[in-house]
Amino acid sequence: MPKLKTKSGAKKRFKLSASGKVIAGQAGKRHGMIKRTNKQIRNLRGTRAVSESDSVAVRKYYLPYG
C-alpha cells in the first residue's frame, strides 16, 4: 500500500492531544457577537476537544498518521 497523504486543511485545523483526543478551535465566534452574552463570549475562547464520534472520522480520513 502507498503512504496516505494528510489532508492539508486538517493539518491547519486539528491537532492531537497526548491522550489521543482531537483538539480544534472553538466554533461560534465569527460574527453576531452583539447578541451573545459576555459569559458566552468568554467561554468560547481557546480550543476544545472534538466529540468522540467526529474525532473517529478526523483521525481515520484526515490525519491518518496523527
PDB file of N, CA and C in Angstrom:
ATOM      1  N   MET A   1       0.837  -1.192   0.000  1.00  0.00           N
ATOM      2  CA  MET A   1       0.000   0.000   0.000  1.00  0.00           C
ATOM      3  C   MET A   1       0.882   1.256   0.000  1.00  0.00           C
ATOM      4  N   PRO A   2       0.496   2.271  -0.778  1.00  0.00           N
ATOM      5  CA  PRO A   2       1.245   3.530  -0.740  1.00  0.00           C
ATOM      6  C   PRO A   2       0.929   4.298   0.544  1.00  0.00           C
ATOM      7  N   LYS A   3       1.786   5.236   0.841  1.00  0.00           N
ATOM      8  CA  LYS A   3       1.531   6.077   2.003  1.00  0.00           C
ATOM      9  C   LYS A   3       0.315   6.952   1.737  1.00  0.00           C
ATOM     10  N   LEU A   4      -0.447   7.247   2.798  1.00  0.00           N
ATOM     11  CA  LEU A   4      -1.601   8.129   2.690  1.00  0.00           C
ATOM     12  C   LEU A   4      -1.170   9.565   2.964  1.00  0.00           C
ATOM     13  N   LYS A   5      -1.765  10.483   2.245  1.00  0.00           N
ATOM     14  CA  LYS A   5      -1.462  11.892   2.483  1.00  0.00           C
ATOM     15  C   LYS A   5      -2.406  12.444   3.545  1.00  0.00           C
ATOM     16  N   THR A   6      -1.855  13.268   4.425  1.00  0.00           N
ATOM     17  CA  THR A   6      -2.664  14.002   5.387  1.00  0.00           C
ATOM     18  C   THR A   6      -3.341  15.157   4.655  1.00  0.00           C
ATOM     19  N   LYS A   7      -4.624  15.365   4.921  1.00  0.00           N
ATOM     20  CA  LYS A   7      -5.331  16.481   4.303  1.00  0.00           C
ATOM     21  C   LYS A   7      -4.748  17.790   4.816  1.00  0.00           C
ATOM     22  N   SER A   8      -4.344  18.668   3.894  1.00  0.00           N
ATOM     23  CA  SER A   8      -3.646  19.877   4.308  1.00  0.00           C
ATOM     24  C   SER A   8      -4.562  20.806   5.100  1.00  0.00           C
ATOM     25  N   GLY A   9      -5.862  20.771   4.831  1.00  0.00           N
ATOM     26  CA  GLY A   9      -6.781  21.587   5.630  1.00  0.00           C
ATOM     27  C   GLY A   9      -6.871  21.095   7.063  1.00  0.00           C
ATOM     28  N   ALA A  10      -6.772  19.785   7.236  1.00  0.00           N
ATOM     29  CA  ALA A  10      -6.847  19.215   8.583  1.00  0.00           C
ATOM     30  C   ALA A  10      -5.595  19.529   9.387  1.00  0.00           C
ATOM     31  N   LYS A  11      -4.448  19.627   8.711  1.00  0.00           N
ATOM     32  CA  LYS A  11      -3.211  19.981   9.402  1.00  0.00           C
ATOM     33  C   LYS A  11      -3.344  21.332  10.097  1.00  0.00           C
ATOM     34  N   LYS A  12      -4.069  22.241   9.438  1.00  0.00           N
ATOM     35  CA  LYS A  12      -4.196  23.594   9.955  1.00  0.00           C
ATOM     36  C   LYS A  12      -5.283  23.705  11.023  1.00  0.00           C
ATOM     37  N   ARG A  13      -6.240  22.777  11.052  1.00  0.00           N
ATOM     38  CA  ARG A  13      -7.406  22.919  11.914  1.00  0.00           C
ATOM     39  C   ARG A  13      -7.401  22.021  13.143  1.00  0.00           C
ATOM     40  N   PHE A  14      -6.707  20.897  13.078  1.00  0.00           N
ATOM     41  CA  PHE A  14      -6.755  19.932  14.171  1.00  0.00           C
ATOM     42  C   PHE A  14      -5.356  19.599  14.659  1.00  0.00           C
ATOM     43  N   LYS A  15      -5.278  19.245  15.937  1.00  0.00           N
ATOM     44  CA  LYS A  15      -4.059  18.623  16.447  1.00  0.00           C
ATOM     45  C   LYS A  15      -4.491  17.582  17.464  1.00  0.00           C
ATOM     46  N   LEU A  16      -3.594  16.646  17.761  1.00  0.00           N
ATOM     47  CA  LEU A  16      -3.912  15.572  18.685  1.00  0.00           C
ATOM     48  C   LEU A  16      -3.286  15.857  20.038  1.00  0.00           C
ATOM     49  N   SER A  17      -4.035  15.581  21.091  1.00  0.00           N
ATOM     50  CA  SER A  17      -3.504  15.722  22.432  1.00  0.00           C
ATOM     51  C   SER A  17      -2.668  14.493  22.769  1.00  0.00           C
ATOM     52  N   ALA A  18      -2.006  14.531  23.900  1.00  0.00           N
ATOM     53  CA  ALA A  18      -1.156  13.416  24.309  1.00  0.00           C
ATOM     54  C   ALA A  18      -1.961  12.145  24.531  1.00  0.00           C
ATOM     55  N   SER A  19      -3.219  12.306  24.927  1.00  0.00           N
ATOM     56  CA  SER A  19      -4.064  11.131  25.163  1.00  0.00           C
ATOM     57  C   SER A  19      -4.779  10.667  23.900  1.00  0.00           C
ATOM     58  N   GLY A  20      -4.565  11.373  22.781  1.00  0.00           N
ATOM     59  CA  GLY A  20      -5.146  10.948  21.517  1.00  0.00           C
ATOM     60  C   GLY A  20      -6.434  11.642  21.132  1.00  0.00           C
ATOM     61  N   LYS A  21      -6.869  12.600  21.937  1.00  0.00           N
ATOM     62  CA  LYS A  21      -8.083  13.336  21.591  1.00  0.00           C
ATOM     63  C   LYS A  21      -7.769  14.351  20.495  1.00  0.00           C
ATOM     64  N   VAL A  22      -8.774  14.661  19.683  1.00  0.00           N
ATOM     65  CA  VAL A  22      -8.609  15.648  18.614  1.00  0.00           C
ATOM     66  C   VAL A  22      -9.001  17.010  19.170  1.00  0.00           C
ATOM     67  N   ILE A  23      -8.104  17.976  19.036  1.00  0.00           N
ATOM     68  CA  ILE A  23      -8.318  19.328  19.539  1.00  0.00           C
ATOM     69  C   ILE A  23      -8.570  20.257  18.357  1.00  0.00           C
ATOM     70  N   ALA A  24      -9.583  21.107  18.461  1.00  0.00           N
ATOM     71  CA  ALA A  24      -9.911  22.045  17.387  1.00  0.00           C
ATOM     72  C   ALA A  24     -10.328  23.373  17.992  1.00  0.00           C
ATOM     73  N   GLY A  25     -10.327  24.397  17.158  1.00  0.00           N
ATOM     74  CA  GLY A  25     -10.757  25.714  17.604  1.00  0.00           C
ATOM     75  C   GLY A  25     -12.232  25.719  17.934  1.00  0.00           C
ATOM     76  N   GLN A  26     -12.584  26.580  18.860  1.00  0.00           N
ATOM     77  CA  GLN A  26     -13.971  26.658  19.304  1.00  0.00           C
ATOM     78  C   GLN A  26     -14.811  27.368  18.253  1.00  0.00           C
ATOM     79  N   ALA A  27     -15.984  26.820  17.947  1.00  0.00           N
ATOM     80  CA  ALA A  27     -16.870  27.405  16.949  1.00  0.00           C
ATOM     81  C   ALA A  27     -17.779  28.458  17.587  1.00  0.00           C
ATOM     82  N   GLY A  28     -18.328  29.333  16.750  1.00  0.00           N
ATOM     83  CA  GLY A  28     -19.361  30.237  17.224  1.00  0.00           C
ATOM     84  C   GLY A  28     -18.902  31.630  17.576  1.00  0.00           C
ATOM     85  N   LYS A  29     -17.736  32.075  17.083  1.00  0.00           N
ATOM     86  CA  LYS A  29     -17.280  33.427  17.401  1.00  0.00           C
ATOM     87  C   LYS A  29     -16.943  34.239  16.167  1.00  0.00           C
ATOM     88  N   ARG A  30     -17.464  33.875  15.006  1.00  0.00           N
ATOM     89  CA  ARG A  30     -17.103  34.599  13.791  1.00  0.00           C
ATOM     90  C   ARG A  30     -17.908  35.889  13.624  1.00  0.00           C
ATOM     91  N   HIS A  31     -19.167  35.840  13.937  1.00  0.00           N
ATOM     92  CA  HIS A  31     -19.998  37.036  13.767  1.00  0.00           C
ATOM     93  C   HIS A  31     -21.175  36.930  14.722  1.00  0.00           C
ATOM     94  N   GLY A  32     -21.927  38.035  14.851  1.00  0.00           N
ATOM     95  CA  GLY A  32     -23.097  38.022  15.731  1.00  0.00           C
ATOM     96  C   GLY A  32     -22.760  38.103  17.200  1.00  0.00           C
ATOM     97  N   MET A  33     -21.652  38.767  17.550  1.00  0.00           N
ATOM     98  CA  MET A  33     -21.246  38.840  18.953  1.00  0.00           C
ATOM     99  C   MET A  33     -22.161  39.744  19.777  1.00  0.00           C
ATOM    100  N   ILE A  34     -22.854  40.657  19.106  1.00  0.00           N
ATOM    101  CA  ILE A  34     -23.731  41.593  19.813  1.00  0.00           C
ATOM    102  C   ILE A  34     -24.819  40.841  20.581  1.00  0.00           C
ATOM    103  N   LYS A  35     -25.352  39.801  19.968  1.00  0.00           N
ATOM    104  CA  LYS A  35     -26.471  39.094  20.606  1.00  0.00           C
ATOM    105  C   LYS A  35     -26.034  38.056  21.626  1.00  0.00           C
ATOM    106  N   ARG A  36     -24.733  37.796  21.744  1.00  0.00           N
ATOM    107  CA  ARG A  36     -24.241  36.827  22.720  1.00  0.00           C
ATOM    108  C   ARG A  36     -23.914  37.530  24.042  1.00  0.00           C
ATOM    109  N   THR A  37     -24.078  36.823  25.117  1.00  0.00           N
ATOM    110  CA  THR A  37     -23.743  37.403  26.417  1.00  0.00           C
ATOM    111  C   THR A  37     -22.224  37.400  26.592  1.00  0.00           C
ATOM    112  N   ASN A  38     -21.756  38.243  27.504  1.00  0.00           N
ATOM    113  CA  ASN A  38     -20.320  38.289  27.785  1.00  0.00           C
ATOM    114  C   ASN A  38     -19.816  36.944  28.296  1.00  0.00           C
ATOM    115  N   LYS A  39     -20.647  36.248  29.027  1.00  0.00           N
ATOM    116  CA  LYS A  39     -20.262  34.930  29.538  1.00  0.00           C
ATOM    117  C   LYS A  39     -20.072  33.946  28.391  1.00  0.00           C
ATOM    118  N   GLN A  40     -20.968  33.986  27.407  1.00  0.00           N
ATOM    119  CA  GLN A  40     -20.827  33.101  26.247  1.00  0.00           C
ATOM    120  C   GLN A  40     -19.532  33.389  25.501  1.00  0.00           C
ATOM    121  N   ILE A  41     -19.264  34.666  25.250  1.00  0.00           N
ATOM    122  CA  ILE A  41     -18.061  35.057  24.515  1.00  0.00           C
ATOM    123  C   ILE A  41     -16.813  34.609  25.273  1.00  0.00           C
ATOM    124  N   ARG A  42     -16.824  34.764  26.581  1.00  0.00           N
ATOM    125  CA  ARG A  42     -15.696  34.356  27.413  1.00  0.00           C
ATOM    126  C   ARG A  42     -15.474  32.849  27.338  1.00  0.00           C
ATOM    127  N   ASN A  43     -16.550  32.100  27.382  1.00  0.00           N
ATOM    128  CA  ASN A  43     -16.442  30.639  27.376  1.00  0.00           C
ATOM    129  C   ASN A  43     -16.096  30.069  26.011  1.00  0.00           C
ATOM    130  N   LEU A  44     -16.209  30.877  24.958  1.00  0.00           N
ATOM    131  CA  LEU A  44     -15.899  30.395  23.613  1.00  0.00           C
ATOM    132  C   LEU A  44     -14.439  30.625  23.225  1.00  0.00           C
ATOM    133  N   ARG A  45     -13.620  31.089  24.150  1.00  0.00           N
ATOM    134  CA  ARG A  45     -12.204  31.308  23.842  1.00  0.00           C
ATOM    135  C   ARG A  45     -11.461  29.985  23.736  1.00  0.00           C
ATOM    136  N   GLY A  46     -10.365  30.019  23.012  1.00  0.00           N
ATOM    137  CA  GLY A  46      -9.446  28.888  23.019  1.00  0.00           C
ATOM    138  C   GLY A  46      -9.893  27.715  22.172  1.00  0.00           C
ATOM    139  N   THR A  47      -9.496  26.518  22.597  1.00  0.00           N
ATOM    140  CA  THR A  47      -9.770  25.311  21.830  1.00  0.00           C
ATOM    141  C   THR A  47     -10.544  24.325  22.683  1.00  0.00           C
ATOM    142  N   ARG A  48     -11.152  23.348  22.013  1.00  0.00           N
ATOM    143  CA  ARG A  48     -11.920  22.319  22.700  1.00  0.00           C
ATOM    144  C   ARG A  48     -11.633  20.978  22.067  1.00  0.00           C
ATOM    145  N   ALA A  49     -11.887  19.920  22.800  1.00  0.00           N
ATOM    146  CA  ALA A  49     -11.775  18.571  22.249  1.00  0.00           C
ATOM    147  C   ALA A  49     -12.998  18.309  21.368  1.00  0.00           C
ATOM    148  N   VAL A  50     -12.771  17.728  20.206  1.00  0.00           N
ATOM    149  CA  VAL A  50     -13.848  17.393  19.281  1.00  0.00           C
ATOM    150  C   VAL A  50     -14.606  16.207  19.856  1.00  0.00           C
ATOM    151  N   SER A  51     -15.915  16.112  19.576  1.00  0.00           N
ATOM    152  CA  SER A  51     -16.708  14.997  20.085  1.00  0.00           C
ATOM    153  C   SER A  51     -16.134  13.674  19.590  1.00  0.00           C
ATOM    154  N   GLU A  52     -16.363  12.637  20.354  1.00  0.00           N
ATOM    155  CA  GLU A  52     -15.740  11.341  20.066  1.00  0.00           C
ATOM    156  C   GLU A  52     -16.169  10.800  18.709  1.00  0.00           C
ATOM    157  N   SER A  53     -17.434  10.978  18.347  1.00  0.00           N
ATOM    158  CA  SER A  53     -17.908  10.456  17.064  1.00  0.00           C
ATOM    159  C   SER A  53     -17.268  11.190  15.890  1.00  0.00           C
ATOM    160  N   ASP A  54     -17.052  12.494  16.025  1.00  0.00           N
ATOM    161  CA  ASP A  54     -16.393  13.250  14.965  1.00  0.00           C
ATOM    162  C   ASP A  54     -14.894  12.977  14.920  1.00  0.00           C
ATOM    163  N   SER A  55     -14.301  12.766  16.084  1.00  0.00           N
ATOM    164  CA  SER A  55     -12.854  12.566  16.112  1.00  0.00           C
ATOM    165  C   SER A  55     -12.452  11.248  15.462  1.00  0.00           C
ATOM    166  N   VAL A  56     -13.336  10.253  15.464  1.00  0.00           N
ATOM    167  CA  VAL A  56     -13.046   8.994  14.773  1.00  0.00           C
ATOM    168  C   VAL A  56     -12.834   9.258  13.287  1.00  0.00           C
ATOM    169  N   ALA A  57     -13.714  10.052  12.688  1.00  0.00           N
ATOM    170  CA  ALA A  57     -13.596  10.362  11.265  1.00  0.00           C
ATOM    171  C   ALA A  57     -12.363  11.212  10.982  1.00  0.00           C
ATOM    172  N   VAL A  58     -12.072  12.168  11.850  1.00  0.00           N
ATOM    173  CA  VAL A  58     -10.904  13.036  11.644  1.00  0.00           C
ATOM    174  C   VAL A  58      -9.633  12.202  11.655  1.00  0.00           C
ATOM    175  N   ARG A  59      -9.512  11.318  12.642  1.00  0.00           N
ATOM    176  CA  ARG A  59      -8.303  10.505  12.738  1.00  0.00           C
ATOM    177  C   ARG A  59      -8.192   9.528  11.572  1.00  0.00           C
ATOM    178  N   LYS A  60      -9.304   8.971  11.133  1.00  0.00           N
ATOM    179  CA  LYS A  60      -9.261   7.949  10.109  1.00  0.00           C
ATOM    180  C   LYS A  60      -8.993   8.509   8.718  1.00  0.00           C
ATOM    181  N   TYR A  61      -9.677   9.591   8.365  1.00  0.00           N
ATOM    182  CA  TYR A  61      -9.626  10.099   6.985  1.00  0.00           C
ATOM    183  C   TYR A  61      -8.690  11.280   6.789  1.00  0.00           C
ATOM    184  N   TYR A  62      -8.573  12.140   7.796  1.00  0.00           N
ATOM    185  CA  TYR A  62      -7.862  13.386   7.591  1.00  0.00           C
ATOM    186  C   TYR A  62      -6.452  13.387   8.178  1.00  0.00           C
ATOM    187  N   LEU A  63      -6.272  12.691   9.290  1.00  0.00           N
ATOM    188  CA  LEU A  63      -4.962  12.636   9.942  1.00  0.00           C
ATOM    189  C   LEU A  63      -4.552  11.176  10.100  1.00  0.00           C
ATOM    190  N   PRO A  64      -4.292  10.470   9.007  1.00  0.00           N
ATOM    191  CA  PRO A  64      -4.074   9.035   9.112  1.00  0.00           C
ATOM    192  C   PRO A  64      -2.849   8.647   9.935  1.00  0.00           C
ATOM    193  N   TYR A  65      -1.852   9.526  10.017  1.00  0.00           N
ATOM    194  CA  TYR A  65      -0.657   9.206  10.787  1.00  0.00           C
ATOM    195  C   TYR A  65      -0.537  10.078  12.028  1.00  0.00           C
ATOM    196  N   GLY A  66      -1.633  10.746  12.377  1.00  0.00           N
ATOM    197  CA  GLY A  66      -1.603  11.662  13.503  1.00  0.00           C
ATOM    198  C   GLY A  66      -1.551  10.970  14.838  1.00  0.00           C
TER     199      GLY A  66
END
